[in-house]
N, C-alpha and C. Protein backbone atom coordinates (compact mmCIF):
# COMPACT_ATOMS: atom_id res chain seq x y z
N MET A 1 24.48 -15.16 12.30
CA MET A 1 24.49 -15.57 11.08
C MET A 1 24.54 -16.51 10.19
N GLU A 2 25.40 -17.08 11.09
CA GLU A 2 25.30 -18.58 11.17
C GLU A 2 24.21 -19.11 10.62
N LEU A 3 22.75 -19.38 11.50
CA LEU A 3 21.98 -19.95 11.50
C LEU A 3 21.27 -19.61 10.02
N LEU A 4 21.32 -18.48 9.40
CA LEU A 4 20.93 -17.72 8.61
C LEU A 4 21.89 -18.38 6.81
N VAL A 5 23.28 -18.44 7.47
CA VAL A 5 24.07 -19.29 6.23
C VAL A 5 23.38 -20.74 6.65
N LYS A 6 23.08 -21.83 7.57
CA LYS A 6 22.99 -23.20 7.46
C LYS A 6 21.03 -23.16 6.67
N TYR A 7 20.01 -22.32 6.48
CA TYR A 7 19.19 -22.61 6.34
C TYR A 7 19.10 -21.98 4.39
N LYS A 8 20.16 -20.97 4.38
CA LYS A 8 20.83 -20.61 2.64
C LYS A 8 21.00 -22.08 1.85
N GLN A 9 21.64 -22.98 3.09
CA GLN A 9 22.44 -24.44 2.47
C GLN A 9 21.54 -25.15 2.46
N ASP A 10 20.59 -25.37 3.11
CA ASP A 10 19.59 -26.57 3.26
C ASP A 10 18.23 -26.60 3.55
N HIS A 11 17.91 -25.02 3.35
CA HIS A 11 16.69 -24.75 3.01
C HIS A 11 15.43 -25.61 4.58
N LYS A 12 16.00 -25.52 5.58
CA LYS A 12 15.44 -26.59 6.42
C LYS A 12 14.69 -25.06 7.57
N ALA A 13 13.33 -24.99 7.59
CA ALA A 13 12.93 -24.43 8.77
C ALA A 13 13.37 -24.08 9.50
N GLN A 14 13.87 -24.94 10.30
CA GLN A 14 14.28 -25.22 11.38
C GLN A 14 15.61 -24.32 12.06
N TRP A 15 16.07 -23.64 11.30
CA TRP A 15 17.36 -22.63 11.15
C TRP A 15 16.85 -21.51 11.67
N LEU A 16 16.14 -21.15 10.64
CA LEU A 16 15.41 -20.14 9.94
C LEU A 16 14.27 -19.69 11.63
N GLY A 17 13.89 -20.79 11.84
CA GLY A 17 12.80 -20.66 13.12
C GLY A 17 13.60 -20.36 14.32
N GLU A 18 14.82 -20.69 14.45
CA GLU A 18 15.76 -20.69 15.45
C GLU A 18 16.07 -18.92 15.78
N LEU A 19 16.03 -18.81 14.13
CA LEU A 19 16.68 -17.26 14.14
C LEU A 19 15.93 -16.32 14.85
N TYR A 20 14.70 -17.06 13.84
CA TYR A 20 13.66 -15.71 13.95
C TYR A 20 13.09 -15.54 15.31
N ASN A 21 12.93 -16.68 16.18
CA ASN A 21 12.76 -16.47 17.88
C ASN A 21 13.35 -15.32 18.50
N ARG A 22 14.36 -15.61 18.07
CA ARG A 22 15.58 -14.34 18.70
C ARG A 22 14.67 -13.32 18.53
N TYR A 23 14.28 -13.00 17.83
CA TYR A 23 13.82 -11.57 17.11
C TYR A 23 12.21 -11.77 17.01
N SER A 24 11.35 -13.09 17.40
CA SER A 24 9.68 -12.58 17.49
C SER A 24 9.30 -11.38 18.64
N HIS A 25 9.92 -11.46 19.50
CA HIS A 25 9.54 -9.87 20.54
C HIS A 25 9.41 -9.44 19.69
N LEU A 26 10.52 -8.83 19.00
CA LEU A 26 10.67 -7.37 18.43
C LEU A 26 9.64 -7.03 17.38
N VAL A 27 9.45 -8.06 16.56
CA VAL A 27 8.46 -8.34 15.71
C VAL A 27 6.93 -8.22 15.94
N TYR A 28 6.69 -8.54 16.78
CA TYR A 28 5.46 -8.48 17.45
C TYR A 28 5.33 -7.37 18.31
N GLY A 29 6.57 -6.73 18.71
CA GLY A 29 6.41 -5.60 19.41
C GLY A 29 6.10 -4.34 18.12
N LEU A 30 6.37 -4.46 17.26
CA LEU A 30 6.46 -3.44 16.17
C LEU A 30 4.90 -3.74 15.42
N CYS A 31 4.59 -4.97 15.24
CA CYS A 31 3.12 -4.96 14.45
C CYS A 31 2.15 -3.86 15.66
N LEU A 32 2.61 -4.85 16.91
CA LEU A 32 1.33 -3.89 17.81
C LEU A 32 1.65 -2.75 17.50
N LYS A 33 2.30 -1.96 17.74
CA LYS A 33 2.85 -0.30 17.38
C LYS A 33 2.00 0.24 16.33
N TYR A 34 2.15 -0.38 15.12
CA TYR A 34 1.46 -0.08 13.91
C TYR A 34 0.41 -0.15 13.84
N LEU A 35 0.14 -1.75 14.35
CA LEU A 35 -1.68 -2.45 14.08
C LEU A 35 -2.80 -2.04 15.01
N LYS A 36 -1.85 -2.12 16.23
CA LYS A 36 -2.89 -1.32 17.16
C LYS A 36 -4.20 -2.23 17.98
N ASN A 37 -3.75 -3.76 17.86
CA ASN A 37 -4.40 -4.87 18.16
C ASN A 37 -3.67 -5.76 18.05
N ASP A 38 -4.04 -6.33 18.90
CA ASP A 38 -3.01 -8.27 19.35
C ASP A 38 -3.10 -8.97 18.64
N GLU A 39 -4.59 -9.58 18.33
CA GLU A 39 -4.88 -10.53 17.34
C GLU A 39 -3.62 -10.13 15.94
N ASN A 40 -4.27 -9.22 15.41
CA ASN A 40 -3.77 -8.64 13.92
C ASN A 40 -2.40 -8.62 14.23
N ALA A 41 -1.50 -7.92 15.29
CA ALA A 41 -0.12 -8.32 15.82
C ALA A 41 0.58 -9.42 15.45
N LYS A 42 -0.31 -10.77 16.08
CA LYS A 42 0.13 -11.48 16.20
C LYS A 42 -0.09 -12.41 14.49
N ASP A 43 -1.47 -12.09 13.99
CA ASP A 43 -0.95 -12.62 12.60
C ASP A 43 -0.29 -12.10 11.58
N ALA A 44 0.56 -10.97 12.36
CA ALA A 44 1.05 -10.13 10.98
C ALA A 44 2.42 -11.06 11.58
N ALA A 45 3.33 -10.91 12.85
CA ALA A 45 4.19 -11.05 13.14
C ALA A 45 4.32 -13.04 12.53
N LEU A 46 3.03 -13.71 12.15
CA LEU A 46 3.17 -15.17 11.59
C LEU A 46 3.69 -14.86 10.02
N ALA A 47 2.55 -14.27 9.71
CA ALA A 47 3.03 -13.69 8.24
C ALA A 47 4.03 -13.84 7.73
N ILE A 48 5.02 -12.49 8.69
CA ILE A 48 6.43 -12.15 8.25
C ILE A 48 7.17 -13.57 8.43
N PHE A 49 6.56 -14.12 9.23
CA PHE A 49 7.59 -15.69 9.08
C PHE A 49 7.66 -16.21 7.88
N GLU A 50 6.55 -16.54 7.86
CA GLU A 50 6.33 -17.68 6.36
C GLU A 50 6.92 -16.63 5.25
N LYS A 51 6.72 -15.24 5.38
CA LYS A 51 7.27 -14.56 4.29
C LYS A 51 8.89 -14.49 3.83
N LEU A 52 9.48 -14.49 5.37
CA LEU A 52 11.06 -15.22 5.35
C LEU A 52 11.40 -16.20 5.11
N ILE A 53 10.30 -17.30 4.84
CA ILE A 53 10.81 -18.57 4.33
C ILE A 53 10.90 -18.34 3.26
N VAL A 54 9.83 -17.95 2.43
CA VAL A 54 10.58 -17.99 0.80
C VAL A 54 11.14 -16.77 0.18
N ASP A 55 11.18 -15.19 1.44
CA ASP A 55 12.78 -14.54 0.74
C ASP A 55 13.84 -14.86 1.01
N LEU A 56 14.22 -15.48 1.54
CA LEU A 56 15.33 -15.79 1.97
C LEU A 56 15.99 -17.10 1.17
N LYS A 57 15.58 -17.42 1.03
CA LYS A 57 15.71 -18.25 -0.18
C LYS A 57 16.94 -17.96 -1.43
N THR A 58 16.25 -16.49 -1.74
CA THR A 58 16.84 -16.13 -2.72
C THR A 58 17.60 -14.98 -2.48
N ARG A 59 17.28 -14.20 -1.41
CA ARG A 59 17.76 -12.71 -1.05
C ARG A 59 18.99 -12.85 -0.38
N GLU A 60 20.02 -12.05 -0.22
CA GLU A 60 21.13 -11.60 0.63
C GLU A 60 20.81 -11.16 1.42
N VAL A 61 21.26 -11.02 2.55
CA VAL A 61 21.14 -10.42 3.54
C VAL A 61 22.60 -9.44 4.55
N ALA A 62 22.61 -8.91 4.49
CA ALA A 62 23.49 -8.27 5.41
C ALA A 62 23.88 -8.68 6.49
N THR A 63 22.15 -8.07 7.03
CA THR A 63 22.78 -7.76 8.91
C THR A 63 21.15 -8.04 8.74
N PHE A 64 20.57 -9.19 9.56
CA PHE A 64 19.47 -9.64 9.73
C PHE A 64 18.67 -8.79 10.70
N GLN A 65 19.02 -8.65 11.31
CA GLN A 65 18.10 -7.59 12.38
C GLN A 65 17.62 -6.89 11.73
N HIS A 66 18.33 -5.73 10.97
CA HIS A 66 18.06 -4.96 10.10
C HIS A 66 17.02 -4.88 9.56
N TRP A 67 17.32 -6.04 8.28
CA TRP A 67 16.58 -6.77 6.89
C TRP A 67 15.30 -6.73 7.82
N LEU A 68 14.79 -7.34 9.01
CA LEU A 68 13.59 -8.38 9.65
C LEU A 68 13.21 -6.75 9.61
N TYR A 69 13.53 -5.63 10.46
CA TYR A 69 12.93 -4.72 11.00
C TYR A 69 12.13 -3.74 9.45
N ALA A 70 12.93 -4.36 8.76
CA ALA A 70 12.42 -3.24 7.41
C ALA A 70 11.41 -4.35 6.41
N VAL A 71 11.41 -5.56 6.98
CA VAL A 71 10.45 -6.28 6.19
C VAL A 71 9.29 -6.13 7.07
N SER A 72 9.25 -6.60 8.73
CA SER A 72 8.04 -6.40 9.14
C SER A 72 7.32 -4.80 9.14
N ARG A 73 8.03 -3.53 9.39
CA ARG A 73 7.29 -2.61 9.38
C ARG A 73 6.61 -2.33 7.65
N ASN A 74 7.33 -3.02 6.45
CA ASN A 74 7.05 -2.83 4.79
C ASN A 74 5.30 -3.85 5.11
N HIS A 75 5.17 -4.48 6.20
CA HIS A 75 4.75 -5.60 5.50
C HIS A 75 3.24 -4.39 6.37
N CYS A 76 3.22 -4.35 8.22
CA CYS A 76 2.68 -3.53 8.50
C CYS A 76 1.43 -2.39 8.24
N PHE A 77 2.60 -1.86 7.03
CA PHE A 77 2.65 -0.77 6.04
C PHE A 77 1.64 -0.84 5.13
N GLU A 78 1.65 -2.48 4.43
CA GLU A 78 0.98 -2.94 3.75
C GLU A 78 -0.55 -3.18 4.28
N ILE A 79 -0.83 -3.69 5.00
CA ILE A 79 -1.74 -3.90 5.96
C ILE A 79 -2.76 -2.91 6.30
N LEU A 80 -1.84 -1.86 6.81
CA LEU A 80 -3.09 -0.16 7.11
C LEU A 80 -3.39 0.27 5.96
N ARG A 81 -2.45 0.25 4.64
CA ARG A 81 -3.09 0.71 3.35
C ARG A 81 -4.02 -0.04 3.35
N SER A 82 -4.67 -1.42 3.09
CA SER A 82 -5.21 -2.55 2.61
C SER A 82 -6.25 -1.96 3.29
N ALA A 83 -6.33 -1.77 5.10
CA ALA A 83 -7.15 -1.65 5.39
C ALA A 83 -8.30 -0.05 4.96
N GLY A 84 -7.30 0.40 4.75
CA GLY A 84 -7.65 2.23 4.10
C GLY A 84 -8.47 1.92 2.93
N ARG A 85 -8.14 1.00 1.83
CA ARG A 85 -8.72 0.58 1.03
C ARG A 85 -9.81 0.35 0.91
N GLU A 86 -9.85 -0.93 2.33
CA GLU A 86 -11.10 -1.20 2.50
C GLU A 86 -12.20 -0.39 3.24
N GLU A 87 -11.43 0.37 3.94
CA GLU A 87 -12.47 1.66 4.66
C GLU A 87 -13.07 2.74 3.91
N LYS A 88 -12.16 2.50 2.53
CA LYS A 88 -12.92 3.88 1.95
C LYS A 88 -14.21 3.09 1.35
N ARG A 89 -14.11 1.67 0.91
CA ARG A 89 -14.88 1.44 0.14
C ARG A 89 -15.87 1.01 1.15
N LYS A 90 -15.61 0.43 2.26
CA LYS A 90 -17.15 0.65 2.99
C LYS A 90 -18.09 2.00 3.25
N ILE A 91 -17.00 3.45 3.05
CA ILE A 91 -17.73 4.48 3.33
C ILE A 91 -18.38 5.01 1.86
N VAL A 92 -17.92 4.46 0.57
CA VAL A 92 -18.42 4.73 -0.52
C VAL A 92 -19.81 3.91 -0.70
N TYR A 93 -19.69 2.40 0.31
CA TYR A 93 -20.63 1.55 0.08
C TYR A 93 -22.25 2.46 0.79
N HIS A 94 -21.56 2.48 2.34
CA HIS A 94 -22.16 3.39 2.53
C HIS A 94 -22.98 4.28 2.10
N HIS A 95 -22.49 5.61 1.48
CA HIS A 95 -23.26 6.27 1.11
C HIS A 95 -23.74 6.23 0.32
N GLU A 96 -23.83 5.34 -0.66
CA GLU A 96 -24.76 5.04 -1.76
C GLU A 96 -26.04 4.52 -1.07
N ASN A 97 -25.56 3.64 0.14
CA ASN A 97 -26.89 2.82 0.76
C ASN A 97 -27.69 4.09 1.08
N VAL A 98 -26.95 5.10 1.22
CA VAL A 98 -27.92 6.20 2.51
C VAL A 98 -28.11 7.10 1.39
N VAL A 99 -28.10 7.37 0.48
CA VAL A 99 -28.56 8.33 -1.11
C VAL A 99 -29.89 7.04 -1.12
N ASN A 100 -30.28 6.08 -1.15
CA ASN A 100 -30.83 4.92 -1.58
C ASN A 100 -32.19 5.31 -1.04
N ILE A 101 -31.87 5.81 0.49
CA ILE A 101 -33.25 6.02 0.86
C ILE A 101 -33.66 7.40 0.97
N HIS A 102 -33.18 8.76 0.27
CA HIS A 102 -33.90 9.25 0.12
C HIS A 102 -34.62 9.53 -1.71
N ASP A 103 -35.21 10.60 -1.63
CA ASP A 103 -36.37 10.49 -2.70
C ASP A 103 -35.19 10.28 -4.28
N GLU A 104 -36.22 10.28 -5.59
CA GLU A 104 -35.19 9.81 -6.51
C GLU A 104 -34.81 11.25 -6.73
N VAL A 105 -35.63 12.23 -7.16
CA VAL A 105 -35.18 13.80 -7.05
C VAL A 105 -33.45 13.94 -6.27
N ASP A 106 -33.39 13.94 -5.53
CA ASP A 106 -32.13 14.12 -4.36
C ASP A 106 -31.52 12.64 -4.97
N VAL A 107 -31.24 11.61 -5.53
CA VAL A 107 -30.50 10.95 -5.49
C VAL A 107 -29.95 11.38 -7.47
N LEU A 108 -31.00 11.76 -8.45
CA LEU A 108 -30.43 12.36 -9.49
C LEU A 108 -29.71 13.27 -9.00
N SER A 109 -30.55 14.20 -8.78
CA SER A 109 -29.29 15.40 -8.07
C SER A 109 -27.85 15.06 -8.15
N LEU A 110 -27.92 14.20 -6.77
CA LEU A 110 -26.89 13.83 -5.87
C LEU A 110 -25.60 12.76 -7.61
N ALA A 111 -26.45 12.49 -8.32
CA ALA A 111 -25.80 11.63 -9.05
C ALA A 111 -25.47 12.22 -10.46
N GLU A 112 -25.66 13.59 -10.74
CA GLU A 112 -25.93 14.39 -11.52
C GLU A 112 -24.22 14.98 -11.06
N MET A 113 -24.82 15.40 -9.87
CA MET A 113 -23.10 16.00 -9.28
C MET A 113 -21.85 14.83 -9.08
N LYS A 114 -22.46 14.15 -9.09
CA LYS A 114 -21.26 12.75 -8.77
C LYS A 114 -20.60 12.72 -9.98
N GLU A 115 -21.03 12.86 -10.87
CA GLU A 115 -21.05 12.69 -12.66
C GLU A 115 -20.16 13.80 -13.58
N ALA A 116 -20.41 14.85 -12.40
CA ALA A 116 -19.72 16.23 -12.80
C ALA A 116 -18.66 16.99 -12.42
N GLY A 117 -18.36 15.95 -11.49
CA GLY A 117 -17.05 16.27 -11.24
C GLY A 117 -15.84 14.74 -11.01
N LEU A 118 -16.87 13.74 -11.62
CA LEU A 118 -15.34 12.82 -11.82
C LEU A 118 -15.59 13.88 -13.44
N ARG A 119 -16.58 13.53 -14.01
CA ARG A 119 -15.51 14.26 -15.64
C ARG A 119 -14.44 15.88 -15.41
N LYS A 120 -14.98 16.37 -14.52
CA LYS A 120 -13.76 17.15 -14.19
C LYS A 120 -12.55 17.05 -13.73
N LEU A 121 -12.46 15.73 -12.72
CA LEU A 121 -11.39 15.15 -12.36
C LEU A 121 -10.79 14.43 -13.97
N GLU A 122 -11.76 13.83 -14.96
CA GLU A 122 -10.69 13.10 -16.10
C GLU A 122 -10.05 14.73 -16.55
N ARG A 123 -10.64 15.51 -17.19
CA ARG A 123 -10.28 16.81 -17.64
C ARG A 123 -9.59 16.83 -17.08
N ALA A 124 -8.60 16.97 -16.10
CA ALA A 124 -8.25 17.76 -15.06
C ALA A 124 -6.47 16.45 -15.46
N ILE A 125 -6.95 15.49 -14.91
CA ILE A 125 -5.78 14.27 -15.19
C ILE A 125 -5.23 14.25 -16.87
N GLU A 126 -6.05 14.56 -17.58
CA GLU A 126 -6.12 14.50 -19.21
C GLU A 126 -4.77 15.75 -19.35
N ARG A 127 -5.00 16.81 -18.79
CA ARG A 127 -4.27 17.71 -18.60
C ARG A 127 -2.53 17.54 -18.16
N LEU A 128 -2.57 17.18 -16.97
CA LEU A 128 -1.24 16.48 -16.51
C LEU A 128 -0.24 15.82 -17.34
N ASN A 129 1.06 16.71 -17.26
CA ASN A 129 2.16 15.88 -18.43
C ASN A 129 1.83 14.40 -18.35
N GLY A 130 2.94 14.01 -19.21
CA GLY A 130 2.24 12.28 -19.55
C GLY A 130 2.91 11.33 -18.51
N ASP A 131 4.21 11.49 -18.20
CA ASP A 131 4.83 10.96 -16.70
C ASP A 131 3.81 11.16 -15.72
N GLN A 132 3.49 12.46 -14.70
CA GLN A 132 2.83 12.29 -14.35
C GLN A 132 1.21 12.28 -13.87
N ARG A 133 0.42 12.38 -15.96
CA ARG A 133 -0.42 11.19 -15.76
C ARG A 133 -0.52 9.78 -15.39
N GLN A 134 0.27 9.10 -15.85
CA GLN A 134 0.79 7.94 -15.44
C GLN A 134 0.91 7.65 -14.52
N CYS A 135 1.78 7.83 -13.80
CA CYS A 135 2.02 7.92 -12.28
C CYS A 135 0.81 7.92 -11.00
N VAL A 136 0.16 9.34 -11.61
CA VAL A 136 -1.17 9.18 -10.85
C VAL A 136 -2.06 8.15 -11.43
N VAL A 137 -2.84 7.70 -12.06
CA VAL A 137 -3.17 6.97 -12.83
C VAL A 137 -3.28 5.60 -12.26
N LEU A 138 -1.92 5.12 -12.18
CA LEU A 138 -1.51 4.22 -11.96
C LEU A 138 -1.55 3.66 -10.39
N PHE A 139 -1.23 4.93 -9.57
CA PHE A 139 -1.05 4.59 -8.05
C PHE A 139 -2.61 5.08 -7.55
N TYR A 140 -3.42 6.23 -8.19
CA TYR A 140 -4.77 6.37 -7.15
C TYR A 140 -5.65 5.49 -7.77
N LEU A 141 -6.00 5.36 -9.26
CA LEU A 141 -6.85 4.81 -10.13
C LEU A 141 -7.17 2.76 -9.90
N LYS A 142 -5.88 2.61 -10.38
CA LYS A 142 -5.10 1.40 -10.43
C LYS A 142 -4.88 0.63 -9.14
N GLU A 143 -4.51 1.87 -8.34
CA GLU A 143 -4.11 1.42 -6.92
C GLU A 143 -2.45 0.38 -7.32
N LYS A 144 -1.73 0.55 -8.08
CA LYS A 144 -0.76 0.10 -8.02
C LYS A 144 0.36 0.56 -6.86
N SER A 145 1.28 -0.03 -6.34
CA SER A 145 2.08 0.10 -4.88
C SER A 145 3.13 0.74 -5.89
N TYR A 146 4.36 1.84 -5.31
CA TYR A 146 5.48 2.67 -5.92
C TYR A 146 6.24 1.60 -6.92
N LYS A 147 6.59 0.44 -6.10
CA LYS A 147 7.16 -1.03 -7.12
C LYS A 147 6.87 -1.73 -8.00
N GLU A 148 5.59 -1.69 -8.05
CA GLU A 148 5.06 -1.92 -9.34
C GLU A 148 4.66 -0.86 -10.87
N ILE A 149 4.35 0.67 -10.10
CA ILE A 149 5.12 1.73 -11.32
C ILE A 149 6.38 1.67 -11.74
N THR A 150 7.24 2.01 -10.52
CA THR A 150 8.52 1.03 -11.28
C THR A 150 9.16 0.70 -11.96
N GLU A 151 8.32 -0.41 -12.21
CA GLU A 151 8.45 -1.62 -13.07
C GLU A 151 7.67 -1.58 -14.13
N THR A 152 6.30 -1.06 -14.45
CA THR A 152 5.66 -0.97 -15.74
C THR A 152 6.32 0.64 -16.13
N THR A 153 6.68 1.31 -15.49
CA THR A 153 7.23 2.35 -16.23
C THR A 153 8.53 2.81 -16.27
N GLY A 154 9.46 2.19 -15.58
CA GLY A 154 11.18 1.78 -15.60
C GLY A 154 11.35 3.67 -15.13
N TYR A 155 10.31 4.24 -14.38
CA TYR A 155 11.44 5.05 -13.49
C TYR A 155 11.83 4.44 -12.38
N SER A 156 12.56 5.67 -11.97
CA SER A 156 13.51 5.10 -10.47
C SER A 156 12.20 5.47 -9.46
N LEU A 157 12.23 4.73 -8.06
CA LEU A 157 11.66 4.81 -7.21
C LEU A 157 11.61 6.43 -7.16
N GLY A 158 12.25 6.82 -7.10
CA GLY A 158 12.49 8.69 -7.00
C GLY A 158 11.52 9.53 -8.02
N GLU A 159 11.76 8.99 -9.08
CA GLU A 159 10.87 9.68 -9.89
C GLU A 159 9.42 9.45 -9.88
N VAL A 160 9.25 8.13 -9.31
CA VAL A 160 7.73 7.85 -9.50
C VAL A 160 7.00 8.64 -8.34
N LYS A 161 7.87 8.61 -6.93
CA LYS A 161 7.17 9.36 -6.09
C LYS A 161 7.28 11.04 -6.62
N SER A 162 7.75 11.59 -7.15
CA SER A 162 8.08 12.85 -7.38
C SER A 162 6.73 13.40 -8.77
N HIS A 163 6.60 12.16 -9.45
CA HIS A 163 5.79 12.42 -10.60
C HIS A 163 4.41 12.23 -9.84
N ILE A 164 3.85 11.38 -8.72
CA ILE A 164 2.90 11.60 -8.04
C ILE A 164 2.70 12.66 -7.03
N GLN A 165 3.75 13.40 -6.61
CA GLN A 165 3.50 13.91 -5.62
C GLN A 165 3.02 15.28 -6.59
N ASN A 166 3.49 15.44 -7.80
CA ASN A 166 3.83 16.72 -8.55
C ASN A 166 2.57 16.76 -8.78
N GLY A 167 2.01 15.48 -9.74
CA GLY A 167 0.59 15.10 -10.24
C GLY A 167 -0.51 16.04 -9.30
N ARG A 168 -0.39 14.99 -7.97
CA ARG A 168 -1.38 15.76 -7.32
C ARG A 168 -1.73 17.14 -7.10
N ARG A 169 -0.72 17.68 -7.22
CA ARG A 169 -0.38 19.25 -6.40
C ARG A 169 -1.60 19.83 -7.88
N ASN A 170 -0.37 19.57 -9.09
CA ASN A 170 -1.08 19.92 -10.23
C ASN A 170 -2.37 19.65 -10.50
N LEU A 171 -3.21 18.26 -10.34
CA LEU A 171 -4.34 18.31 -10.12
C LEU A 171 -5.21 19.21 -9.35
N ARG A 172 -4.79 19.53 -8.00
CA ARG A 172 -5.83 20.24 -6.93
C ARG A 172 -5.30 21.72 -7.79
N LEU A 173 -4.70 22.32 -7.99
CA LEU A 173 -4.38 23.93 -9.18
C LEU A 173 -5.36 23.32 -9.92
N LEU A 174 -5.36 22.72 -10.68
CA LEU A 174 -6.01 22.52 -11.98
C LEU A 174 -7.66 22.52 -11.80
N LEU A 175 -7.97 21.48 -10.16
CA LEU A 175 -9.68 21.96 -9.86
C LEU A 175 -9.81 23.15 -9.50
N GLU A 176 -9.10 23.31 -8.56
CA GLU A 176 -9.35 24.45 -7.75
C GLU A 176 -9.86 25.89 -9.08
N ALA A 177 -9.02 26.43 -10.02
CA ALA A 177 -9.17 27.04 -10.98
C ALA A 177 -10.07 26.96 -12.01
N LYS A 178 -10.82 25.86 -11.62
CA LYS A 178 -12.07 26.18 -12.25
C LYS A 178 -13.28 26.07 -11.78
N LYS A 179 -12.62 26.46 -10.63
CA LYS A 179 -14.14 26.24 -9.76
C LYS A 179 -15.35 27.62 -9.83
């Protein structure tokens, strides 16, 4: 904690670097556990150190080791979420290119089916109560994080998660009921 106090006083990265070096092997191990790739884990560990330089100027930390673990884990989760979004985009792109190979009749019928499904989904979203609809739209359609949704709506984190979970369940029920 002494190095952290020194860093907060003069903002010299050497203090934080010395403190971080004590835990860097643990950060790297955690990143490797989640990211399953040596280079990605190294990049993430470096990015986490850079994040600490900025965050610790304003953040009060009771236990550095626990706080560092939480920051590292959350950073890895964000990388995985971003990779998941990119993978979904690749799948859609691939699917659209495969569709272009087929003749026009198949493309039109697939496009019509897609459009009908989207209209059905839009109608189901409109039937959700206001809180659920707002949170579901922000989370799934606008790809906002829980934190961004809490800031936008004023709901607590628990309320946001509950509205999203209940909204997803109600959407599934609404979509299945109309089959």
